[in-house]
Amino acid sequence: MYNFSVPAGFKAYIDQIVVPGRTYAYTADGSGSRIGLLKGKKATVIMSRGWSYGDGSPISGCDLQEPWIRLILGFVGVTDIEFVVAEGAAHLDRGKVGRDEYLQSIRERVRLKTGLGMAT
């Protein structure tokens, strides 16, 4: 997360793949309605944040990252979305938690949600 949202490079990538006729289309009735062309697809989104923005956090309302990603994926038809969130990365910088300790739970969540083995 950068400034409560997605990094500019990721936004630029999204701008390249959200393309009429490829990932979404307008309906033929001329109403301006659109349909996502990626229906039936699943997305696993792995993201990191310096602080904890989850439910119950005093700054949970500042999380514009997950809702925006959910909106964009839904726009192109992907509604089966899993999020793996690595929160509290700032604790690494401050030496409050070790790298291996921090990454252990993240690797396990990625493995459980994706079925993929994770290199250590």
C-alpha atoms as a PDB file:
ATOM      1  CA  MET A   1       0.000   0.000   0.000  1.00  0.00           C
ATOM      2  CA  TYR A   2       1.250   3.467  -0.928  1.00  0.00           C
ATOM      3  CA  ASN A   3      -0.592   6.424   0.582  1.00  0.00           C
ATOM      4  CA  PHE A   4      -3.654   4.273   1.357  1.00  0.00           C
ATOM      5  CA  SER A   5      -4.005   2.937  -2.207  1.00  0.00           C
ATOM      6  CA  VAL A   6      -2.072   1.036  -4.881  1.00  0.00           C
ATOM      7  CA  PRO A   7       1.384   1.994  -6.198  1.00  0.00           C
ATOM      8  CA  ALA A   8       1.477   3.986  -9.451  1.00  0.00           C
ATOM      9  CA  GLY A   9       3.183   1.121 -11.307  1.00  0.00           C
ATOM     10  CA  PHE A  10       0.350  -1.265 -10.423  1.00  0.00           C
ATOM     11  CA  LYS A  11      -2.234   1.341 -11.459  1.00  0.00           C
ATOM     12  CA  ALA A  12      -0.436   1.721 -14.806  1.00  0.00           C
ATOM     13  CA  TYR A  13      -0.538  -2.082 -15.255  1.00  0.00           C
ATOM     14  CA  ILE A  14      -4.287  -2.129 -14.552  1.00  0.00           C
ATOM     15  CA  ASP A  15      -4.779   0.645 -17.117  1.00  0.00           C
ATOM     16  CA  GLN A  16      -3.144  -1.619 -19.704  1.00  0.00           C
ATOM     17  CA  ILE A  17      -5.335  -4.661 -19.032  1.00  0.00           C
ATOM     18  CA  VAL A  18      -8.752  -3.033 -18.502  1.00  0.00           C
ATOM     19  CA  VAL A  19      -9.481  -2.755 -22.206  1.00  0.00           C
ATOM     20  CA  PRO A  20     -12.860  -2.716 -23.970  1.00  0.00           C
ATOM     21  CA  GLY A  21     -13.329  -5.839 -26.058  1.00  0.00           C
ATOM     22  CA  ARG A  22     -10.631  -7.746 -24.156  1.00  0.00           C
ATOM     23  CA  THR A  23     -11.528  -7.694 -20.472  1.00  0.00           C
ATOM     24  CA  TYR A  24     -14.922  -5.986 -20.608  1.00  0.00           C
ATOM     25  CA  ALA A  25     -17.515  -5.057 -23.231  1.00  0.00           C
ATOM     26  CA  TYR A  26     -20.438  -2.705 -23.591  1.00  0.00           C
ATOM     27  CA  THR A  27     -23.863  -4.244 -24.055  1.00  0.00           C
ATOM     28  CA  ALA A  28     -25.446  -4.002 -27.501  1.00  0.00           C
ATOM     29  CA  ASP A  29     -28.547  -2.179 -26.259  1.00  0.00           C
ATOM     30  CA  GLY A  30     -26.785   1.206 -26.292  1.00  0.00           C
ATOM     31  CA  SER A  31     -27.451   1.849 -22.605  1.00  0.00           C
ATOM     32  CA  GLY A  32     -23.782   2.203 -21.725  1.00  0.00           C
ATOM     33  CA  SER A  33     -23.959  -0.877 -19.529  1.00  0.00           C
ATOM     34  CA  ARG A  34     -20.976  -3.160 -19.603  1.00  0.00           C
ATOM     35  CA  ILE A  35     -20.163  -6.775 -18.840  1.00  0.00           C
ATOM     36  CA  GLY A  36     -16.932  -8.208 -17.556  1.00  0.00           C
ATOM     37  CA  LEU A  37     -15.401 -10.767 -19.907  1.00  0.00           C
ATOM     38  CA  LEU A  38     -13.384 -12.616 -17.260  1.00  0.00           C
ATOM     39  CA  LYS A  39     -16.322 -14.306 -15.532  1.00  0.00           C
ATOM     40  CA  GLY A  40     -15.518 -17.610 -13.877  1.00  0.00           C
ATOM     41  CA  LYS A  41     -11.923 -16.609 -13.178  1.00  0.00           C
ATOM     42  CA  LYS A  42     -10.425 -16.538  -9.705  1.00  0.00           C
ATOM     43  CA  ALA A  43      -7.891 -14.054  -8.345  1.00  0.00           C
ATOM     44  CA  THR A  44      -5.578 -14.336  -5.375  1.00  0.00           C
ATOM     45  CA  VAL A  45      -4.214 -10.917  -4.455  1.00  0.00           C
ATOM     46  CA  ILE A  46      -1.127 -10.774  -2.268  1.00  0.00           C
ATOM     47  CA  MET A  47      -0.416  -7.311  -0.903  1.00  0.00           C
ATOM     48  CA  SER A  48       1.592  -5.667   1.827  1.00  0.00           C
ATOM     49  CA  ARG A  49       1.058  -2.716   4.113  1.00  0.00           C
ATOM     50  CA  GLY A  50       3.272  -0.948   6.584  1.00  0.00           C
ATOM     51  CA  TRP A  51       0.571  -0.785   9.226  1.00  0.00           C
ATOM     52  CA  SER A  52      -2.524  -2.797  10.142  1.00  0.00           C
ATOM     53  CA  TYR A  53      -5.667  -1.596   8.380  1.00  0.00           C
ATOM     54  CA  GLY A  54      -7.881  -4.607   9.114  1.00  0.00           C
ATOM     55  CA  ASP A  55     -11.261  -4.674  10.854  1.00  0.00           C
ATOM     56  CA  GLY A  56     -11.051  -3.146  14.297  1.00  0.00           C
ATOM     57  CA  SER A  57      -8.021  -1.028  13.469  1.00  0.00           C
ATOM     58  CA  PRO A  58      -8.429   2.689  14.182  1.00  0.00           C
ATOM     59  CA  ILE A  59      -7.219   3.344  10.618  1.00  0.00           C
ATOM     60  CA  SER A  60      -9.294   0.669   8.855  1.00  0.00           C
ATOM     61  CA  GLY A  61     -11.227   3.355   6.957  1.00  0.00           C
ATOM     62  CA  CYS A  62      -7.991   4.477   5.288  1.00  0.00           C
ATOM     63  CA  ASP A  63      -7.695   1.249   3.297  1.00  0.00           C
ATOM     64  CA  LEU A  64      -8.526   2.227  -0.266  1.00  0.00           C
ATOM     65  CA  GLN A  65      -6.299  -0.526  -1.677  1.00  0.00           C
ATOM     66  CA  GLU A  66      -8.505  -3.591  -1.212  1.00  0.00           C
ATOM     67  CA  PRO A  67     -11.818  -1.942  -2.205  1.00  0.00           C
ATOM     68  CA  TRP A  68     -10.222  -0.494  -5.351  1.00  0.00           C
ATOM     69  CA  ILE A  69      -8.740  -3.846  -6.383  1.00  0.00           C
ATOM     70  CA  ARG A  70     -12.083  -5.537  -5.693  1.00  0.00           C
ATOM     71  CA  LEU A  71     -13.852  -2.885  -7.829  1.00  0.00           C
ATOM     72  CA  ILE A  72     -11.459  -3.234 -10.782  1.00  0.00           C
ATOM     73  CA  LEU A  73     -11.523  -7.031 -10.744  1.00  0.00           C
ATOM     74  CA  GLY A  74     -15.323  -6.995 -10.494  1.00  0.00           C
ATOM     75  CA  PHE A  75     -15.483  -4.552 -13.416  1.00  0.00           C
ATOM     76  CA  VAL A  76     -13.756  -7.117 -15.648  1.00  0.00           C
ATOM     77  CA  GLY A  77     -15.893  -9.957 -14.271  1.00  0.00           C
ATOM     78  CA  VAL A  78     -13.668 -11.502 -11.582  1.00  0.00           C
ATOM     79  CA  THR A  79     -15.686 -11.822  -8.383  1.00  0.00           C
ATOM     80  CA  ASP A  80     -14.038 -14.844  -6.746  1.00  0.00           C
ATOM     81  CA  ILE A  81     -11.212 -12.977  -5.014  1.00  0.00           C
ATOM     82  CA  GLU A  82      -8.958 -14.080  -2.170  1.00  0.00           C
ATOM     83  CA  PHE A  83      -6.757 -11.546  -0.397  1.00  0.00           C
ATOM     84  CA  VAL A  84      -3.579 -12.405   1.471  1.00  0.00           C
ATOM     85  CA  VAL A  85      -2.517  -9.290   3.322  1.00  0.00           C
ATOM     86  CA  ALA A  86       0.917  -8.857   4.856  1.00  0.00           C
ATOM     87  CA  GLU A  87       0.221  -6.127   7.378  1.00  0.00           C
ATOM     88  CA  GLY A  88       2.633  -4.509   9.787  1.00  0.00           C
ATOM     89  CA  ALA A  89       5.673  -4.506   7.499  1.00  0.00           C
ATOM     90  CA  ALA A  90       6.822  -1.316   9.238  1.00  0.00           C
ATOM     91  CA  HIS A  91       7.691  -3.482  12.255  1.00  0.00           C
ATOM     92  CA  LEU A  92      10.458  -5.065  10.165  1.00  0.00           C
ATOM     93  CA  ASP A  93      12.021  -1.673   9.519  1.00  0.00           C
ATOM     94  CA  ARG A  94      11.867  -0.834  13.197  1.00  0.00           C
ATOM     95  CA  GLY A  95      13.349  -4.161  14.313  1.00  0.00           C
ATOM     96  CA  LYS A  96      10.256  -5.113  16.322  1.00  0.00           C
ATOM     97  CA  VAL A  97       9.950  -8.416  14.480  1.00  0.00           C
ATOM     98  CA  GLY A  98      12.421 -10.602  12.604  1.00  0.00           C
ATOM     99  CA  ARG A  99      12.161 -11.293   8.883  1.00  0.00           C
ATOM    100  CA  ASP A 100      11.660 -15.056   9.225  1.00  0.00           C
ATOM    101  CA  GLU A 101       9.038 -14.635  11.941  1.00  0.00           C
ATOM    102  CA  TYR A 102       7.160 -12.068   9.868  1.00  0.00           C
ATOM    103  CA  LEU A 103       7.244 -14.093   6.645  1.00  0.00           C
ATOM    104  CA  GLN A 104       6.301 -17.446   8.219  1.00  0.00           C
ATOM    105  CA  SER A 105       2.603 -16.650   8.679  1.00  0.00           C
ATOM    106  CA  ILE A 106       2.394 -14.938   5.292  1.00  0.00           C
ATOM    107  CA  ARG A 107       3.888 -17.941   3.498  1.00  0.00           C
ATOM    108  CA  GLU A 108       1.456 -20.234   5.284  1.00  0.00           C
ATOM    109  CA  ARG A 109      -1.564 -18.104   4.293  1.00  0.00           C
ATOM    110  CA  VAL A 110      -0.394 -18.002   0.659  1.00  0.00           C
ATOM    111  CA  ARG A 111       0.111 -21.776   0.652  1.00  0.00           C
ATOM    112  CA  LEU A 112      -3.346 -22.397   2.153  1.00  0.00           C
ATOM    113  CA  LYS A 113      -5.177 -20.040  -0.210  1.00  0.00           C
ATOM    114  CA  THR A 114      -3.354 -20.996  -3.396  1.00  0.00           C
ATOM    115  CA  GLY A 115      -2.159 -24.541  -2.781  1.00  0.00           C
ATOM    116  CA  LEU A 116       1.301 -23.437  -3.889  1.00  0.00           C
ATOM    117  CA  GLY A 117       4.500 -24.280  -2.062  1.00  0.00           C
ATOM    118  CA  MET A 118       6.488 -21.206  -1.114  1.00  0.00           C
ATOM    119  CA  ALA A 119      10.263 -20.974  -1.286  1.00  0.00           C
ATOM    120  CA  THR A 120      11.929 -19.894   1.935  1.00  0.00           C
END
